[in-house]
N, C-alpha and C. Protein backbone atom coordinates (compact mmCIF):
# COMPACT_ATOMS: atom_id res chain seq x y z
N MET A 1 0.83 -1.17 0.00
CA MET A 1 0.00 0.00 0.00
C MET A 1 0.89 1.24 0.00
N SER A 2 0.62 2.17 -0.90
CA SER A 2 1.46 3.36 -0.98
C SER A 2 0.80 4.54 -0.27
N GLN A 3 1.63 5.40 0.24
CA GLN A 3 1.12 6.58 0.93
C GLN A 3 0.72 7.63 -0.08
N ILE A 4 -0.25 8.44 0.27
CA ILE A 4 -0.62 9.56 -0.59
C ILE A 4 0.20 10.78 -0.17
N SER A 5 0.41 11.69 -1.11
CA SER A 5 1.20 12.88 -0.82
C SER A 5 0.33 13.92 -0.11
N PHE A 6 0.98 14.95 0.41
CA PHE A 6 0.24 16.03 1.06
C PHE A 6 -0.71 16.72 0.08
N ALA A 7 -0.25 16.90 -1.17
CA ALA A 7 -1.09 17.55 -2.17
C ALA A 7 -2.34 16.72 -2.46
N GLU A 8 -2.16 15.40 -2.58
CA GLU A 8 -3.32 14.52 -2.82
C GLU A 8 -4.29 14.54 -1.65
N ALA A 9 -3.75 14.56 -0.43
CA ALA A 9 -4.60 14.59 0.76
C ALA A 9 -5.39 15.89 0.82
N GLU A 10 -4.74 16.99 0.48
CA GLU A 10 -5.43 18.28 0.51
C GLU A 10 -6.49 18.35 -0.58
N TYR A 11 -6.18 17.81 -1.75
CA TYR A 11 -7.12 17.85 -2.87
C TYR A 11 -8.35 17.00 -2.58
N GLN A 12 -8.20 15.89 -1.86
CA GLN A 12 -9.33 15.03 -1.53
C GLN A 12 -10.34 15.73 -0.62
N ASN A 13 -9.87 16.64 0.22
CA ASN A 13 -10.74 17.33 1.16
C ASN A 13 -11.35 18.60 0.58
N LYS A 14 -11.01 18.91 -0.65
CA LYS A 14 -11.51 20.14 -1.27
C LYS A 14 -13.00 20.03 -1.55
N LYS A 15 -13.74 21.06 -1.21
CA LYS A 15 -15.19 21.02 -1.36
C LYS A 15 -15.69 21.66 -2.65
N ARG A 16 -15.09 22.79 -3.03
CA ARG A 16 -15.55 23.51 -4.21
C ARG A 16 -14.52 23.46 -5.34
N LYS A 17 -15.01 23.63 -6.56
CA LYS A 17 -14.13 23.69 -7.72
C LYS A 17 -13.67 25.13 -7.91
N THR A 18 -12.44 25.27 -8.36
CA THR A 18 -11.91 26.60 -8.62
C THR A 18 -12.47 27.11 -9.95
N ARG A 19 -12.29 28.40 -10.19
CA ARG A 19 -12.75 28.97 -11.46
C ARG A 19 -12.02 28.33 -12.62
N ARG A 20 -10.74 28.03 -12.43
CA ARG A 20 -9.94 27.40 -13.48
C ARG A 20 -10.50 26.02 -13.81
N GLU A 21 -10.82 25.23 -12.79
CA GLU A 21 -11.38 23.89 -13.03
C GLU A 21 -12.72 23.98 -13.74
N LYS A 22 -13.55 24.91 -13.34
CA LYS A 22 -14.85 25.09 -14.00
C LYS A 22 -14.66 25.49 -15.46
N PHE A 23 -13.72 26.42 -15.70
CA PHE A 23 -13.47 26.88 -17.06
C PHE A 23 -12.98 25.74 -17.94
N LEU A 24 -12.03 24.95 -17.45
CA LEU A 24 -11.48 23.85 -18.24
C LEU A 24 -12.52 22.77 -18.51
N GLU A 25 -13.37 22.50 -17.55
CA GLU A 25 -14.45 21.53 -17.78
C GLU A 25 -15.42 22.04 -18.84
N ARG A 26 -15.73 23.31 -18.76
CA ARG A 26 -16.65 23.92 -19.74
C ARG A 26 -16.02 23.90 -21.14
N MET A 27 -14.73 24.20 -21.21
CA MET A 27 -14.03 24.17 -22.49
C MET A 27 -14.05 22.76 -23.08
N ASP A 28 -13.87 21.75 -22.25
CA ASP A 28 -13.91 20.36 -22.73
C ASP A 28 -15.29 19.99 -23.26
N GLN A 29 -16.33 20.54 -22.65
CA GLN A 29 -17.70 20.24 -23.10
C GLN A 29 -18.02 20.91 -24.42
N LEU A 30 -17.54 22.14 -24.62
CA LEU A 30 -17.95 22.93 -25.77
C LEU A 30 -17.15 22.66 -27.05
N ILE A 31 -15.89 22.33 -26.92
CA ILE A 31 -15.03 22.21 -28.09
C ILE A 31 -14.90 20.74 -28.49
N PRO A 32 -15.19 20.44 -29.76
CA PRO A 32 -15.02 19.05 -30.24
C PRO A 32 -13.54 18.79 -30.56
N TRP A 33 -12.78 18.38 -29.57
CA TRP A 33 -11.33 18.27 -29.69
C TRP A 33 -10.91 17.29 -30.77
N LYS A 34 -11.55 16.15 -30.86
CA LYS A 34 -11.13 15.13 -31.84
C LYS A 34 -11.30 15.64 -33.27
N LYS A 35 -12.40 16.31 -33.56
CA LYS A 35 -12.62 16.86 -34.90
C LYS A 35 -11.57 17.91 -35.22
N LEU A 36 -11.28 18.75 -34.25
CA LEU A 36 -10.29 19.80 -34.44
C LEU A 36 -8.90 19.20 -34.65
N GLU A 37 -8.56 18.19 -33.88
CA GLU A 37 -7.27 17.52 -34.04
C GLU A 37 -7.15 16.90 -35.43
N ASN A 38 -8.21 16.27 -35.90
CA ASN A 38 -8.17 15.64 -37.21
C ASN A 38 -7.95 16.66 -38.32
N LYS A 39 -8.52 17.84 -38.18
CA LYS A 39 -8.36 18.87 -39.21
C LYS A 39 -6.96 19.47 -39.21
N VAL A 40 -6.36 19.60 -38.05
CA VAL A 40 -5.07 20.26 -37.92
C VAL A 40 -3.90 19.28 -38.08
N ALA A 41 -4.14 18.01 -37.87
CA ALA A 41 -3.06 17.01 -37.80
C ALA A 41 -2.17 16.98 -39.04
N ARG A 42 -2.74 17.15 -40.21
CA ARG A 42 -1.91 17.05 -41.41
C ARG A 42 -0.95 18.23 -41.55
N TYR A 43 -1.24 19.36 -40.89
CA TYR A 43 -0.37 20.52 -40.96
C TYR A 43 0.63 20.59 -39.81
N TYR A 44 0.40 19.80 -38.78
CA TYR A 44 1.24 19.84 -37.59
C TYR A 44 2.54 19.08 -37.87
N PRO A 45 3.70 19.61 -37.43
CA PRO A 45 4.97 18.93 -37.72
C PRO A 45 5.03 17.53 -37.10
N LYS A 46 5.67 16.63 -37.82
CA LYS A 46 5.76 15.24 -37.37
C LYS A 46 6.96 15.01 -36.44
N GLY A 47 7.90 15.94 -36.42
CA GLY A 47 9.08 15.79 -35.57
C GLY A 47 10.15 14.93 -36.20
N GLU A 48 10.23 14.95 -37.52
CA GLU A 48 11.23 14.15 -38.22
C GLU A 48 12.62 14.78 -38.12
N ASN A 49 12.66 16.10 -38.05
CA ASN A 49 13.93 16.81 -37.95
C ASN A 49 13.95 17.60 -36.65
N GLY A 50 15.06 17.55 -35.94
CA GLY A 50 15.19 18.35 -34.73
C GLY A 50 14.43 17.79 -33.55
N ARG A 51 14.09 18.70 -32.68
CA ARG A 51 13.42 18.32 -31.44
C ARG A 51 11.98 17.90 -31.71
N ARG A 52 11.49 16.94 -30.94
CA ARG A 52 10.10 16.48 -31.11
C ARG A 52 9.14 17.58 -30.70
N PRO A 53 8.06 17.78 -31.45
CA PRO A 53 7.08 18.81 -31.08
C PRO A 53 6.22 18.34 -29.90
N TYR A 54 5.58 19.31 -29.26
CA TYR A 54 4.63 18.98 -28.20
C TYR A 54 3.47 18.22 -28.81
N PRO A 55 2.76 17.41 -28.04
CA PRO A 55 1.59 16.71 -28.58
C PRO A 55 0.56 17.71 -29.11
N LEU A 56 -0.08 17.33 -30.19
CA LEU A 56 -1.04 18.21 -30.85
C LEU A 56 -2.16 18.63 -29.92
N GLN A 57 -2.68 17.71 -29.14
CA GLN A 57 -3.78 18.02 -28.23
C GLN A 57 -3.39 19.12 -27.24
N VAL A 58 -2.19 19.05 -26.73
CA VAL A 58 -1.71 20.06 -25.77
C VAL A 58 -1.61 21.42 -26.45
N MET A 59 -1.04 21.46 -27.64
CA MET A 59 -0.87 22.73 -28.34
C MET A 59 -2.22 23.36 -28.72
N LEU A 60 -3.19 22.54 -29.10
CA LEU A 60 -4.51 23.08 -29.42
C LEU A 60 -5.16 23.72 -28.19
N ARG A 61 -5.05 23.06 -27.07
CA ARG A 61 -5.63 23.60 -25.84
C ARG A 61 -4.94 24.90 -25.42
N ILE A 62 -3.63 24.93 -25.53
CA ILE A 62 -2.89 26.15 -25.20
C ILE A 62 -3.29 27.28 -26.13
N HIS A 63 -3.38 26.98 -27.41
CA HIS A 63 -3.77 28.01 -28.38
C HIS A 63 -5.17 28.56 -28.08
N CYS A 64 -6.11 27.69 -27.77
CA CYS A 64 -7.46 28.14 -27.46
C CYS A 64 -7.48 29.00 -26.20
N MET A 65 -6.73 28.60 -25.20
CA MET A 65 -6.70 29.40 -23.97
C MET A 65 -6.08 30.77 -24.23
N GLN A 66 -5.05 30.84 -25.09
CA GLN A 66 -4.47 32.13 -25.44
C GLN A 66 -5.50 33.01 -26.13
N LEU A 67 -6.28 32.41 -27.01
CA LEU A 67 -7.32 33.18 -27.70
C LEU A 67 -8.39 33.66 -26.73
N PHE A 68 -8.82 32.80 -25.82
CA PHE A 68 -9.87 33.16 -24.88
C PHE A 68 -9.45 34.29 -23.94
N TYR A 69 -8.19 34.24 -23.51
CA TYR A 69 -7.70 35.23 -22.56
C TYR A 69 -6.94 36.37 -23.21
N ASN A 70 -6.91 36.37 -24.54
CA ASN A 70 -6.23 37.42 -25.30
C ASN A 70 -4.79 37.59 -24.83
N SER A 71 -4.10 36.48 -24.66
CA SER A 71 -2.73 36.55 -24.16
C SER A 71 -1.73 35.99 -25.17
N SER A 72 -2.06 36.04 -26.45
CA SER A 72 -1.15 35.57 -27.45
C SER A 72 0.05 36.49 -27.52
N LEU A 73 1.20 35.94 -27.85
CA LEU A 73 2.40 36.76 -27.93
C LEU A 73 2.43 37.60 -29.20
N ARG A 74 1.70 37.20 -30.19
CA ARG A 74 1.63 37.98 -31.44
C ARG A 74 0.60 39.08 -31.27
N ARG A 75 1.00 40.27 -31.57
CA ARG A 75 0.07 41.41 -31.45
C ARG A 75 0.12 42.27 -32.67
């Protein structure tokens, strides 16, 4: 039997969801991730040369969050 960490113990006793958790759950409900991934996949680098790219799913989520919060580095 393994011990749980302090963070896991604190998280188990949490009663309410944070705004971030609510936002991410809502984003998962509204955006059809698989369809979006299928459309973008052919343009996403395969990682044949140089460093491997981040997973497509992660980059799509980051891009959407940048758009939602207007925090893109390109202005």
